[in-house]
C-alpha cells in the first residue's frame, strides 16, 4: 500500500501560504508581445486582498476576502487574455 502523506498541499495551497507569510505575491504572463503583470497584496494579515493587474495604461484592481478566490481570478483573466482570437466575420 502506498504511503500517503496527511495534509499534503496543492500548488495553490502553497501559494496561499506564501502570500500569508509575505503579504504580497507578484506574477507575470505573456499576452502576445506584451507582458501582463499582476500583484496580489494583503491589505491586512488576514485580508482583504488587493489584486492589481497591469496590462494597459491603468491597472485593473479587485478586492477579495480570500486568497484562493484572487488566485482563481488571476487564472481566469490569464485564460481570457491569452486565448487565440476568434474568427472574424468576412
PDB file of N, CA and C in Angstrom:
ATOM      1  N   UNK A   1       0.839  -1.172   0.000  1.00  0.00           N
ATOM      2  CA  UNK A   1       0.000   0.000   0.000  1.00  0.00           C
ATOM      3  C   UNK A   1       0.891   1.244   0.000  1.00  0.00           C
ATOM      4  N   UNK A   2       0.508   2.236  -0.791  1.00  0.00           N
ATOM      5  CA  UNK A   2       1.310   3.451  -0.918  1.00  0.00           C
ATOM      6  C   UNK A   2       1.236   4.269   0.363  1.00  0.00           C
ATOM      7  N   UNK A   3       2.341   4.897   0.675  1.00  0.00           N
ATOM      8  CA  UNK A   3       2.408   5.745   1.851  1.00  0.00           C
ATOM      9  C   UNK A   3       1.869   7.126   1.479  1.00  0.00           C
ATOM     10  N   UNK A   4       0.732   7.516   2.050  1.00  0.00           N
ATOM     11  CA  UNK A   4       0.097   8.794   1.733  1.00  0.00           C
ATOM     12  C   UNK A   4       0.379   9.768   2.858  1.00  0.00           C
ATOM     13  N   UNK A   5       0.889  10.926   2.464  1.00  0.00           N
ATOM     14  CA  UNK A   5       1.205  11.946   3.463  1.00  0.00           C
ATOM     15  C   UNK A   5      -0.057  12.731   3.805  1.00  0.00           C
ATOM     16  N   UNK A   6      -0.390  12.786   5.080  1.00  0.00           N
ATOM     17  CA  UNK A   6      -1.549  13.554   5.510  1.00  0.00           C
ATOM     18  C   UNK A   6      -1.242  15.039   5.398  1.00  0.00           C
ATOM     19  N   UNK A   7      -2.233  15.811   4.941  1.00  0.00           N
ATOM     20  CA  UNK A   7      -2.061  17.256   4.871  1.00  0.00           C
ATOM     21  C   UNK A   7      -1.225  17.715   3.698  1.00  0.00           C
ATOM     22  N   UNK A   8      -1.005  16.858   2.703  1.00  0.00           N
ATOM     23  CA  UNK A   8      -0.249  17.284   1.528  1.00  0.00           C
ATOM     24  C   UNK A   8      -0.991  18.422   0.860  1.00  0.00           C
ATOM     25  N   UNK A   9      -0.261  19.412   0.408  1.00  0.00           N
ATOM     26  CA  UNK A   9      -0.912  20.585  -0.166  1.00  0.00           C
ATOM     27  C   UNK A   9      -0.718  20.648  -1.674  1.00  0.00           C
ATOM     28  N   UNK A  10      -1.628  21.336  -2.316  1.00  0.00           N
ATOM     29  CA  UNK A  10      -1.517  21.577  -3.749  1.00  0.00           C
ATOM     30  C   UNK A  10      -0.658  22.810  -3.973  1.00  0.00           C
ATOM     31  N   UNK A  11      -0.320  23.077  -5.233  1.00  0.00           N
ATOM     32  CA  UNK A  11       0.452  24.286  -5.559  1.00  0.00           C
ATOM     33  C   UNK A  11      -0.309  25.522  -5.115  1.00  0.00           C
ATOM     34  N   UNK A  12      -1.617  25.553  -5.356  1.00  0.00           N
ATOM     35  CA  UNK A  12      -2.416  26.712  -4.969  1.00  0.00           C
ATOM     36  C   UNK A  12      -2.382  26.899  -3.454  1.00  0.00           C
ATOM     37  N   UNK A  13      -2.449  25.814  -2.685  1.00  0.00           N
ATOM     38  CA  UNK A  13      -2.373  25.921  -1.231  1.00  0.00           C
ATOM     39  C   UNK A  13      -1.041  26.521  -0.801  1.00  0.00           C
ATOM     40  N   UNK A  14       0.048  26.087  -1.435  1.00  0.00           N
ATOM     41  CA  UNK A  14       1.366  26.632  -1.091  1.00  0.00           C
ATOM     42  C   UNK A  14       1.430  28.115  -1.431  1.00  0.00           C
ATOM     43  N   UNK A  15       0.825  28.545  -2.547  1.00  0.00           N
ATOM     44  CA  UNK A  15       0.813  29.963  -2.897  1.00  0.00           C
ATOM     45  C   UNK A  15       0.050  30.764  -1.861  1.00  0.00           C
ATOM     46  N   UNK A  16      -1.071  30.232  -1.390  1.00  0.00           N
ATOM     47  CA  UNK A  16      -1.856  30.913  -0.367  1.00  0.00           C
ATOM     48  C   UNK A  16      -1.029  31.070   0.893  1.00  0.00           C
ATOM     49  N   UNK A  17      -0.340  30.012   1.305  1.00  0.00           N
ATOM     50  CA  UNK A  17       0.507  30.093   2.493  1.00  0.00           C
ATOM     51  C   UNK A  17       1.624  31.106   2.301  1.00  0.00           C
ATOM     52  N   UNK A  18       2.239  31.132   1.121  1.00  0.00           N
ATOM     53  CA  UNK A  18       3.307  32.091   0.869  1.00  0.00           C
ATOM     54  C   UNK A  18       2.799  33.519   0.960  1.00  0.00           C
ATOM     55  N   UNK A  19       1.611  33.787   0.425  1.00  0.00           N
ATOM     56  CA  UNK A  19       1.063  35.135   0.490  1.00  0.00           C
ATOM     57  C   UNK A  19       0.829  35.544   1.932  1.00  0.00           C
ATOM     58  N   UNK A  20       0.315  34.633   2.745  1.00  0.00           N
ATOM     59  CA  UNK A  20       0.082  34.967   4.148  1.00  0.00           C
ATOM     60  C   UNK A  20       1.390  35.244   4.871  1.00  0.00           C
ATOM     61  N   UNK A  21       2.451  34.549   4.495  1.00  0.00           N
ATOM     62  CA  UNK A  21       3.741  34.745   5.158  1.00  0.00           C
ATOM     63  C   UNK A  21       4.395  36.057   4.739  1.00  0.00           C
ATOM     64  N   UNK A  22       4.253  36.437   3.462  1.00  0.00           N
ATOM     65  CA  UNK A  22       4.974  37.594   2.950  1.00  0.00           C
ATOM     66  C   UNK A  22       4.083  38.800   2.667  1.00  0.00           C
ATOM     67  N   UNK A  23       2.762  38.635   2.699  1.00  0.00           N
ATOM     68  CA  UNK A  23       1.788  39.697   2.491  1.00  0.00           C
ATOM     69  C   UNK A  23       1.731  40.223   1.064  1.00  0.00           C
ATOM     70  N   UNK A  24       2.489  39.656   0.117  1.00  0.00           N
ATOM     71  CA  UNK A  24       2.411  40.077  -1.279  1.00  0.00           C
ATOM     72  C   UNK A  24       2.917  38.962  -2.196  1.00  0.00           C
ATOM     73  N   UNK A  25       2.376  38.952  -3.401  1.00  0.00           N
ATOM     74  CA  UNK A  25       2.793  37.992  -4.420  1.00  0.00           C
ATOM     75  C   UNK A  25       2.704  38.705  -5.767  1.00  0.00           C
ATOM     76  N   UNK A  26       3.708  38.515  -6.618  1.00  0.00           N
ATOM     77  CA  UNK A  26       3.749  39.153  -7.933  1.00  0.00           C
ATOM     78  C   UNK A  26       3.942  38.077  -8.979  1.00  0.00           C
ATOM     79  N   UNK A  27       3.288  38.247 -10.122  1.00  0.00           N
ATOM     80  CA  UNK A  27       3.448  37.298 -11.215  1.00  0.00           C
ATOM     81  C   UNK A  27       3.314  37.990 -12.563  1.00  0.00           C
ATOM     82  N   UNK A  28       3.669  37.263 -13.604  1.00  0.00           N
ATOM     83  CA  UNK A  28       3.629  37.787 -14.966  1.00  0.00           C
ATOM     84  C   UNK A  28       3.115  36.706 -15.901  1.00  0.00           C
ATOM     85  N   UNK A  29       2.516  37.134 -17.012  1.00  0.00           N
ATOM     86  CA  UNK A  29       2.229  36.227 -18.114  1.00  0.00           C
ATOM     87  C   UNK A  29       2.260  37.030 -19.401  1.00  0.00           C
ATOM     88  N   UNK A  30       2.421  36.337 -20.516  1.00  0.00           N
ATOM     89  CA  UNK A  30       2.522  36.996 -21.821  1.00  0.00           C
ATOM     90  C   UNK A  30       1.169  37.080 -22.484  1.00  0.00           C
ATOM     91  N   UNK A  31       0.930  38.221 -23.131  1.00  0.00           N
ATOM     92  CA  UNK A  31      -0.255  38.433 -23.946  1.00  0.00           C
ATOM     93  C   UNK A  31       0.261  38.921 -25.291  1.00  0.00           C
ATOM     94  N   UNK A  32       0.490  37.973 -26.209  1.00  0.00           N
ATOM     95  CA  UNK A  32       1.127  38.344 -27.473  1.00  0.00           C
ATOM     96  C   UNK A  32       2.541  38.808 -27.203  1.00  0.00           C
ATOM     97  N   UNK A  33       2.859  40.017 -27.664  1.00  0.00           N
ATOM     98  CA  UNK A  33       4.195  40.593 -27.440  1.00  0.00           C
ATOM     99  C   UNK A  33       4.302  41.325 -26.104  1.00  0.00           C
ATOM    100  N   UNK A  34       3.185  41.511 -25.433  1.00  0.00           N
ATOM    101  CA  UNK A  34       3.166  42.265 -24.178  1.00  0.00           C
ATOM    102  C   UNK A  34       3.279  41.344 -22.968  1.00  0.00           C
ATOM    103  N   UNK A  35       3.763  41.921 -21.887  1.00  0.00           N
ATOM    104  CA  UNK A  35       3.833  41.213 -20.610  1.00  0.00           C
ATOM    105  C   UNK A  35       2.788  41.825 -19.687  1.00  0.00           C
ATOM    106  N   UNK A  36       1.962  40.982 -19.098  1.00  0.00           N
ATOM    107  CA  UNK A  36       0.945  41.426 -18.141  1.00  0.00           C
ATOM    108  C   UNK A  36       1.478  41.110 -16.745  1.00  0.00           C
ATOM    109  N   UNK A  37       1.463  42.102 -15.888  1.00  0.00           N
ATOM    110  CA  UNK A  37       1.965  41.947 -14.519  1.00  0.00           C
ATOM    111  C   UNK A  37       0.780  41.976 -13.565  1.00  0.00           C
ATOM    112  N   UNK A  38       0.785  41.061 -12.598  1.00  0.00           N
ATOM    113  CA  UNK A  38      -0.232  41.105 -11.550  1.00  0.00           C
ATOM    114  C   UNK A  38       0.436  41.105 -10.187  1.00  0.00           C
ATOM    115  N   UNK A  39      -0.227  41.746  -9.248  1.00  0.00           N
ATOM    116  CA  UNK A  39       0.279  41.814  -7.878  1.00  0.00           C
ATOM    117  C   UNK A  39      -0.882  41.574  -6.924  1.00  0.00           C
ATOM    118  N   UNK A  40      -0.701  40.629  -6.032  1.00  0.00           N
ATOM    119  CA  UNK A  40      -1.696  40.312  -5.020  1.00  0.00           C
ATOM    120  C   UNK A  40      -1.112  40.711  -3.674  1.00  0.00           C
ATOM    121  N   UNK A  41      -1.773  41.633  -2.994  1.00  0.00           N
ATOM    122  CA  UNK A  41      -1.260  42.195  -1.751  1.00  0.00           C
ATOM    123  C   UNK A  41      -2.288  42.051  -0.639  1.00  0.00           C
ATOM    124  N   UNK A  42      -1.836  41.633   0.526  1.00  0.00           N
ATOM    125  CA  UNK A  42      -2.714  41.585   1.699  1.00  0.00           C
ATOM    126  C   UNK A  42      -2.799  42.984   2.278  1.00  0.00           C
ATOM    127  N   UNK A  43      -4.010  43.491   2.384  1.00  0.00           N
ATOM    128  CA  UNK A  43      -4.187  44.821   2.958  1.00  0.00           C
ATOM    129  C   UNK A  43      -4.024  44.775   4.483  1.00  0.00           C
ATOM    130  N   UNK A  44      -4.328  43.616   5.062  1.00  0.00           N
ATOM    131  CA  UNK A  44      -4.073  43.298   6.465  1.00  0.00           C
ATOM    132  C   UNK A  44      -3.646  41.834   6.477  1.00  0.00           C
ATOM    133  N   UNK A  45      -3.007  41.347   7.517  1.00  0.00           N
ATOM    134  CA  UNK A  45      -2.536  39.952   7.521  1.00  0.00           C
ATOM    135  C   UNK A  45      -3.620  38.912   7.219  1.00  0.00           C
ATOM    136  N   UNK A  46      -4.867  39.157   7.592  1.00  0.00           N
ATOM    137  CA  UNK A  46      -5.961  38.210   7.335  1.00  0.00           C
ATOM    138  C   UNK A  46      -6.895  38.674   6.229  1.00  0.00           C
ATOM    139  N   UNK A  47      -6.463  39.620   5.397  1.00  0.00           N
ATOM    140  CA  UNK A  47      -7.298  40.101   4.301  1.00  0.00           C
ATOM    141  C   UNK A  47      -7.990  41.388   4.690  1.00  0.00           C
ATOM    142  N   UNK A  48      -8.635  42.018   3.754  1.00  0.00           N
ATOM    143  CA  UNK A  48      -8.861  41.581   2.385  1.00  0.00           C
ATOM    144  C   UNK A  48      -7.588  41.659   1.553  1.00  0.00           C
ATOM    145  N   UNK A  49      -7.678  41.122   0.335  1.00  0.00           N
ATOM    146  CA  UNK A  49      -6.533  41.030  -0.566  1.00  0.00           C
ATOM    147  C   UNK A  49      -6.818  41.850  -1.827  1.00  0.00           C
ATOM    148  N   UNK A  50      -5.835  42.639  -2.221  1.00  0.00           N
ATOM    149  CA  UNK A  50      -5.960  43.532  -3.371  1.00  0.00           C
ATOM    150  C   UNK A  50      -5.229  42.915  -4.555  1.00  0.00           C
ATOM    151  N   UNK A  51      -5.954  42.711  -5.649  1.00  0.00           N
ATOM    152  CA  UNK A  51      -5.368  42.199  -6.883  1.00  0.00           C
ATOM    153  C   UNK A  51      -5.306  43.344  -7.883  1.00  0.00           C
ATOM    154  N   UNK A  52      -4.099  43.677  -8.342  1.00  0.00           N
ATOM    155  CA  UNK A  52      -3.908  44.699  -9.369  1.00  0.00           C
ATOM    156  C   UNK A  52      -3.278  44.027 -10.580  1.00  0.00           C
ATOM    157  N   UNK A  53      -3.939  44.171 -11.736  1.00  0.00           N
ATOM    158  CA  UNK A  53      -3.434  43.585 -12.983  1.00  0.00           C
ATOM    159  C   UNK A  53      -3.128  44.725 -13.937  1.00  0.00           C
ATOM    160  N   UNK A  54      -1.865  44.809 -14.360  1.00  0.00           N
ATOM    161  CA  UNK A  54      -1.399  45.902 -15.217  1.00  0.00           C
ATOM    162  C   UNK A  54      -1.211  45.378 -16.636  1.00  0.00           C
ATOM    163  N   UNK A  55      -2.126  45.759 -17.532  1.00  0.00           N
ATOM    164  CA  UNK A  55      -1.953  45.390 -18.935  1.00  0.00           C
ATOM    165  C   UNK A  55      -2.364  46.515 -19.863  1.00  0.00           C
ATOM    166  N   UNK A  56      -2.612  47.669 -19.323  1.00  0.00           N
ATOM    167  CA  UNK A  56      -2.909  48.860 -20.109  1.00  0.00           C
ATOM    168  C   UNK A  56      -2.374  50.055 -19.329  1.00  0.00           C
ATOM    169  N   UNK A  57      -2.798  51.236 -19.701  1.00  0.00           N
ATOM    170  CA  UNK A  57      -2.285  52.437 -19.037  1.00  0.00           C
ATOM    171  C   UNK A  57      -2.580  52.452 -17.541  1.00  0.00           C
ATOM    172  N   UNK A  58      -3.729  51.897 -17.126  1.00  0.00           N
ATOM    173  CA  UNK A  58      -4.076  51.883 -15.712  1.00  0.00           C
ATOM    174  C   UNK A  58      -4.388  50.456 -15.283  1.00  0.00           C
ATOM    175  N   UNK A  59      -4.036  50.122 -14.051  1.00  0.00           N
ATOM    176  CA  UNK A  59      -4.306  48.747 -13.592  1.00  0.00           C
ATOM    177  C   UNK A  59      -5.788  48.507 -13.333  1.00  0.00           C
ATOM    178  N   UNK A  60      -6.169  47.255 -13.459  1.00  0.00           N
ATOM    179  CA  UNK A  60      -7.491  46.805 -13.034  1.00  0.00           C
ATOM    180  C   UNK A  60      -7.303  46.310 -11.609  1.00  0.00           C
ATOM    181  N   UNK A  61      -8.119  46.798 -10.688  1.00  0.00           N
ATOM    182  CA  UNK A  61      -7.964  46.453  -9.272  1.00  0.00           C
ATOM    183  C   UNK A  61      -9.253  45.808  -8.768  1.00  0.00           C
ATOM    184  N   UNK A  62      -9.101  44.677  -8.069  1.00  0.00           N
ATOM    185  CA  UNK A  62     -10.226  43.990  -7.445  1.00  0.00           C
ATOM    186  C   UNK A  62      -9.831  43.610  -6.024  1.00  0.00           C
ATOM    187  N   UNK A  63     -10.811  43.536  -5.141  1.00  0.00           N
ATOM    188  CA  UNK A  63     -10.572  43.137  -3.757  1.00  0.00           C
ATOM    189  C   UNK A  63     -11.248  41.800  -3.489  1.00  0.00           C
ATOM    190  N   UNK A  64     -10.577  40.957  -2.697  1.00  0.00           N
ATOM    191  CA  UNK A  64     -11.083  39.627  -2.365  1.00  0.00           C
ATOM    192  C   UNK A  64     -10.930  39.381  -0.874  1.00  0.00           C
ATOM    193  N   UNK A  65     -11.868  38.647  -0.307  1.00  0.00           N
ATOM    194  CA  UNK A  65     -11.791  38.269   1.110  1.00  0.00           C
ATOM    195  C   UNK A  65     -10.839  37.093   1.322  1.00  0.00           C
ATOM    196  N   UNK A  66     -10.676  36.243   0.287  1.00  0.00           N
ATOM    197  CA  UNK A  66      -9.835  35.057   0.406  1.00  0.00           C
ATOM    198  C   UNK A  66      -8.815  35.014  -0.727  1.00  0.00           C
ATOM    199  N   UNK A  67      -7.611  34.561  -0.410  1.00  0.00           N
ATOM    200  CA  UNK A  67      -6.569  34.472  -1.437  1.00  0.00           C
ATOM    201  C   UNK A  67      -6.931  33.466  -2.520  1.00  0.00           C
ATOM    202  N   UNK A  68      -7.627  32.395  -2.155  1.00  0.00           N
ATOM    203  CA  UNK A  68      -7.980  31.384  -3.155  1.00  0.00           C
ATOM    204  C   UNK A  68      -8.855  31.976  -4.249  1.00  0.00           C
ATOM    205  N   UNK A  69      -9.770  32.859  -3.904  1.00  0.00           N
ATOM    206  CA  UNK A  69     -10.629  33.494  -4.902  1.00  0.00           C
ATOM    207  C   UNK A  69      -9.816  34.424  -5.806  1.00  0.00           C
ATOM    208  N   UNK A  70      -8.848  35.123  -5.237  1.00  0.00           N
ATOM    209  CA  UNK A  70      -7.996  36.010  -6.042  1.00  0.00           C
ATOM    210  C   UNK A  70      -7.139  35.204  -7.011  1.00  0.00           C
ATOM    211  N   UNK A  71      -6.594  34.069  -6.559  1.00  0.00           N
ATOM    212  CA  UNK A  71      -5.782  33.230  -7.439  1.00  0.00           C
ATOM    213  C   UNK A  71      -6.619  32.637  -8.568  1.00  0.00           C
ATOM    214  N   UNK A  72      -7.863  32.277  -8.281  1.00  0.00           N
ATOM    215  CA  UNK A  72      -8.752  31.801  -9.343  1.00  0.00           C
ATOM    216  C   UNK A  72      -9.048  32.909 -10.348  1.00  0.00           C
ATOM    217  N   UNK A  73      -9.212  34.134  -9.865  1.00  0.00           N
ATOM    218  CA  UNK A  73      -9.464  35.278 -10.758  1.00  0.00           C
ATOM    219  C   UNK A  73      -8.259  35.535 -11.653  1.00  0.00           C
ATOM    220  N   UNK A  74      -7.056  35.420 -11.115  1.00  0.00           N
ATOM    221  CA  UNK A  74      -5.845  35.592 -11.931  1.00  0.00           C
ATOM    222  C   UNK A  74      -5.840  34.570 -13.055  1.00  0.00           C
ATOM    223  N   UNK A  75      -6.128  33.320 -12.739  1.00  0.00           N
ATOM    224  CA  UNK A  75      -6.158  32.264 -13.760  1.00  0.00           C
ATOM    225  C   UNK A  75      -7.226  32.556 -14.812  1.00  0.00           C
ATOM    226  N   UNK A  76      -8.383  33.014 -14.378  1.00  0.00           N
ATOM    227  CA  UNK A  76      -9.472  33.337 -15.298  1.00  0.00           C
ATOM    228  C   UNK A  76      -9.063  34.466 -16.256  1.00  0.00           C
ATOM    229  N   UNK A  77      -8.470  35.522 -15.722  1.00  0.00           N
ATOM    230  CA  UNK A  77      -8.052  36.650 -16.555  1.00  0.00           C
ATOM    231  C   UNK A  77      -6.930  36.236 -17.498  1.00  0.00           C
ATOM    232  N   UNK A  78      -5.976  35.452 -17.006  1.00  0.00           N
ATOM    233  CA  UNK A  78      -4.896  34.978 -17.874  1.00  0.00           C
ATOM    234  C   UNK A  78      -5.459  34.151 -19.028  1.00  0.00           C
ATOM    235  N   UNK A  79      -6.394  33.266 -18.737  1.00  0.00           N
ATOM    236  CA  UNK A  79      -7.013  32.467 -19.798  1.00  0.00           C
ATOM    237  C   UNK A  79      -7.728  33.345 -20.815  1.00  0.00           C
ATOM    238  N   UNK A  80      -8.459  34.357 -20.352  1.00  0.00           N
ATOM    239  CA  UNK A  80      -9.169  35.245 -21.266  1.00  0.00           C
ATOM    240  C   UNK A  80      -8.220  36.055 -22.145  1.00  0.00           C
ATOM    241  N   UNK A  81      -7.147  36.564 -21.537  1.00  0.00           N
ATOM    242  CA  UNK A  81      -6.231  37.432 -22.286  1.00  0.00           C
ATOM    243  C   UNK A  81      -5.287  36.668 -23.219  1.00  0.00           C
ATOM    244  N   UNK A  82      -5.092  35.397 -22.960  1.00  0.00           N
ATOM    245  CA  UNK A  82      -4.161  34.633 -23.795  1.00  0.00           C
ATOM    246  C   UNK A  82      -4.864  33.697 -24.771  1.00  0.00           C
ATOM    247  N   UNK A  83      -6.182  33.766 -24.838  1.00  0.00           N
ATOM    248  CA  UNK A  83      -6.937  32.933 -25.781  1.00  0.00           C
ATOM    249  C   UNK A  83      -6.607  33.358 -27.210  1.00  0.00           C
ATOM    250  N   UNK A  84      -6.558  32.392 -28.133  1.00  0.00           N
ATOM    251  CA  UNK A  84      -6.381  32.777 -29.528  1.00  0.00           C
ATOM    252  C   UNK A  84      -7.611  33.570 -29.997  1.00  0.00           C
ATOM    253  N   UNK A  85      -7.422  34.506 -30.919  1.00  0.00           N
ATOM    254  CA  UNK A  85      -8.555  35.308 -31.377  1.00  0.00           C
ATOM    255  C   UNK A  85      -9.603  34.437 -32.067  1.00  0.00           C
ATOM    256  N   UNK A  86     -10.842  34.796 -31.872  1.00  0.00           N
ATOM    257  CA  UNK A  86     -11.954  34.094 -32.512  1.00  0.00           C
ATOM    258  C   UNK A  86     -12.045  34.593 -33.956  1.00  0.00           C
ATOM    259  N   UNK A  87     -12.418  33.690 -34.868  1.00  0.00           N
ATOM    260  CA  UNK A  87     -12.503  34.061 -36.279  1.00  0.00           C
ATOM    261  C   UNK A  87     -13.384  35.276 -36.506  1.00  0.00           C
ATOM    262  N   UNK A  88     -12.956  36.157 -37.404  1.00  0.00           N
ATOM    263  CA  UNK A  88     -13.697  37.382 -37.704  1.00  0.00           C
ATOM    264  C   UNK A  88     -14.654  37.130 -38.870  1.00  0.00           C
ATOM    265  N   UNK A  89     -15.824  37.762 -38.835  1.00  0.00           N
ATOM    266  CA  UNK A  89     -16.746  37.582 -39.968  1.00  0.00           C
ATOM    267  C   UNK A  89     -16.171  38.195 -41.238  1.00  0.00           C
ATOM    268  N   UNK A  90     -16.462  37.566 -42.372  1.00  0.00           N
ATOM    269  CA  UNK A  90     -15.905  38.097 -43.629  1.00  0.00           C
ATOM    270  C   UNK A  90     -16.759  39.175 -44.235  1.00  0.00           C
TER     271      UNK A  90
END
